N, C-alpha and C. Protein backbone atom coordinates (compact mmCIF):
# COMPACT_ATOMS: atom_id res chain seq x y z
N MET A 1 20.81 13.90 -23.33
CA MET A 1 20.62 13.23 -22.04
C MET A 1 19.13 13.10 -21.71
N GLU A 2 18.39 14.16 -21.94
CA GLU A 2 16.95 14.15 -21.65
C GLU A 2 16.22 13.15 -22.55
N GLU A 3 16.66 13.06 -23.81
CA GLU A 3 16.03 12.12 -24.74
C GLU A 3 16.27 10.68 -24.31
N LYS A 4 17.47 10.39 -23.83
CA LYS A 4 17.78 9.04 -23.37
C LYS A 4 16.91 8.68 -22.16
N LYS A 5 16.69 9.64 -21.26
CA LYS A 5 15.83 9.41 -20.09
C LYS A 5 14.41 9.11 -20.54
N ARG A 6 13.94 9.85 -21.53
CA ARG A 6 12.59 9.62 -22.05
C ARG A 6 12.47 8.23 -22.67
N GLU A 7 13.51 7.79 -23.39
CA GLU A 7 13.51 6.46 -23.99
C GLU A 7 13.48 5.39 -22.91
N CYS A 8 14.25 5.58 -21.86
CA CYS A 8 14.28 4.61 -20.76
C CYS A 8 12.93 4.55 -20.05
N ASP A 9 12.32 5.72 -19.85
CA ASP A 9 10.99 5.75 -19.21
C ASP A 9 9.97 5.01 -20.07
N PHE A 10 10.04 5.23 -21.39
CA PHE A 10 9.11 4.56 -22.29
C PHE A 10 9.33 3.04 -22.25
N ALA A 11 10.60 2.62 -22.28
CA ALA A 11 10.92 1.19 -22.25
C ALA A 11 10.46 0.57 -20.94
N LEU A 12 10.67 1.28 -19.85
CA LEU A 12 10.24 0.77 -18.55
C LEU A 12 8.72 0.65 -18.49
N HIS A 13 8.03 1.67 -18.98
CA HIS A 13 6.57 1.65 -19.00
C HIS A 13 6.06 0.50 -19.87
N LEU A 14 6.68 0.31 -21.02
CA LEU A 14 6.29 -0.77 -21.92
C LEU A 14 6.55 -2.13 -21.27
N GLY A 15 7.69 -2.26 -20.61
CA GLY A 15 8.02 -3.52 -19.94
C GLY A 15 7.03 -3.86 -18.84
N PHE A 16 6.66 -2.85 -18.06
CA PHE A 16 5.67 -3.08 -17.00
C PHE A 16 4.31 -3.44 -17.59
N GLY A 17 3.95 -2.83 -18.70
CA GLY A 17 2.70 -3.16 -19.37
C GLY A 17 2.67 -4.61 -19.84
N ILE A 18 3.78 -5.04 -20.42
CA ILE A 18 3.88 -6.42 -20.89
C ILE A 18 3.84 -7.38 -19.70
N ALA A 19 4.55 -7.05 -18.63
CA ALA A 19 4.55 -7.90 -17.43
C ALA A 19 3.15 -8.01 -16.84
N LYS A 20 2.41 -6.92 -16.85
CA LYS A 20 1.05 -6.92 -16.31
C LYS A 20 0.15 -7.87 -17.13
N ILE A 21 0.29 -7.81 -18.45
CA ILE A 21 -0.50 -8.69 -19.31
C ILE A 21 -0.12 -10.15 -19.08
N LEU A 22 1.18 -10.42 -18.96
CA LEU A 22 1.62 -11.79 -18.73
C LEU A 22 1.14 -12.33 -17.39
N LEU A 23 1.13 -11.49 -16.36
CA LEU A 23 0.62 -11.93 -15.06
C LEU A 23 -0.87 -12.24 -15.11
N LYS A 24 -1.61 -11.44 -15.85
CA LYS A 24 -3.04 -11.72 -16.01
C LYS A 24 -3.25 -13.05 -16.74
N ALA A 25 -2.46 -13.29 -17.79
CA ALA A 25 -2.57 -14.54 -18.54
C ALA A 25 -2.21 -15.73 -17.65
N ALA A 26 -1.19 -15.57 -16.83
CA ALA A 26 -0.79 -16.65 -15.92
C ALA A 26 -1.88 -16.92 -14.89
N ALA A 27 -2.54 -15.88 -14.42
CA ALA A 27 -3.62 -16.05 -13.45
C ALA A 27 -4.79 -16.80 -14.08
N VAL A 28 -5.10 -16.48 -15.31
CA VAL A 28 -6.19 -17.17 -16.02
C VAL A 28 -5.82 -18.64 -16.23
N ALA A 29 -4.59 -18.89 -16.63
CA ALA A 29 -4.16 -20.28 -16.84
C ALA A 29 -4.19 -21.07 -15.53
N ALA A 30 -3.76 -20.45 -14.44
CA ALA A 30 -3.78 -21.13 -13.14
C ALA A 30 -5.22 -21.43 -12.72
N ALA A 31 -6.11 -20.47 -12.92
CA ALA A 31 -7.51 -20.69 -12.57
C ALA A 31 -8.10 -21.83 -13.40
N PHE A 32 -7.77 -21.88 -14.66
CA PHE A 32 -8.25 -22.96 -15.53
C PHE A 32 -7.76 -24.31 -15.03
N CYS A 33 -6.49 -24.38 -14.66
CA CYS A 33 -5.93 -25.64 -14.16
C CYS A 33 -6.59 -26.06 -12.85
N ILE A 34 -6.85 -25.11 -11.98
CA ILE A 34 -7.51 -25.42 -10.71
C ILE A 34 -8.91 -25.97 -10.95
N VAL A 35 -9.65 -25.33 -11.84
CA VAL A 35 -11.01 -25.79 -12.15
C VAL A 35 -10.97 -27.19 -12.74
N LYS A 36 -9.98 -27.44 -13.61
CA LYS A 36 -9.85 -28.76 -14.22
C LYS A 36 -9.58 -29.83 -13.16
N GLU A 37 -8.71 -29.53 -12.21
CA GLU A 37 -8.41 -30.49 -11.14
C GLU A 37 -9.62 -30.73 -10.23
N VAL A 38 -10.34 -29.67 -9.90
CA VAL A 38 -11.54 -29.81 -9.07
C VAL A 38 -12.56 -30.69 -9.79
N HIS A 39 -12.67 -30.51 -11.09
CA HIS A 39 -13.61 -31.32 -11.88
C HIS A 39 -13.20 -32.80 -11.84
N LYS A 40 -11.90 -33.07 -11.94
CA LYS A 40 -11.41 -34.46 -11.87
C LYS A 40 -11.75 -35.07 -10.51
N VAL A 41 -11.54 -34.32 -9.45
CA VAL A 41 -11.83 -34.83 -8.11
C VAL A 41 -13.32 -35.09 -7.96
N HIS A 42 -14.12 -34.18 -8.47
CA HIS A 42 -15.57 -34.34 -8.40
C HIS A 42 -16.01 -35.61 -9.13
N LYS A 43 -15.47 -35.84 -10.31
CA LYS A 43 -15.82 -37.04 -11.08
C LYS A 43 -15.36 -38.30 -10.35
N ALA A 44 -14.19 -38.25 -9.72
CA ALA A 44 -13.70 -39.41 -9.00
C ALA A 44 -14.60 -39.72 -7.81
N ILE A 45 -15.06 -38.71 -7.12
CA ILE A 45 -15.97 -38.91 -5.98
C ILE A 45 -17.28 -39.51 -6.45
N GLU A 46 -17.79 -39.02 -7.58
CA GLU A 46 -19.04 -39.57 -8.14
C GLU A 46 -18.87 -41.05 -8.49
N LYS A 47 -17.74 -41.40 -9.11
CA LYS A 47 -17.50 -42.81 -9.47
C LYS A 47 -17.42 -43.68 -8.23
N LYS A 48 -16.78 -43.19 -7.18
CA LYS A 48 -16.62 -43.96 -5.95
C LYS A 48 -17.96 -44.17 -5.25
N GLU A 49 -18.86 -43.20 -5.33
CA GLU A 49 -20.17 -43.33 -4.69
C GLU A 49 -21.07 -44.33 -5.42
N LYS A 50 -20.86 -44.54 -6.70
CA LYS A 50 -21.71 -45.46 -7.47
C LYS A 50 -21.37 -46.86 -7.23
């Protein structure tokens, strides 16, 4: 019984670790997309001013 609890704790810890890494990757991807969109808007404003 104790061994099964230890296995579950390990699996839970591993799952949370993986989720944490995935959330960081998603945050980086979202930031990249935001910067890309801001750059597009900036270029469009520059074209309109010319």
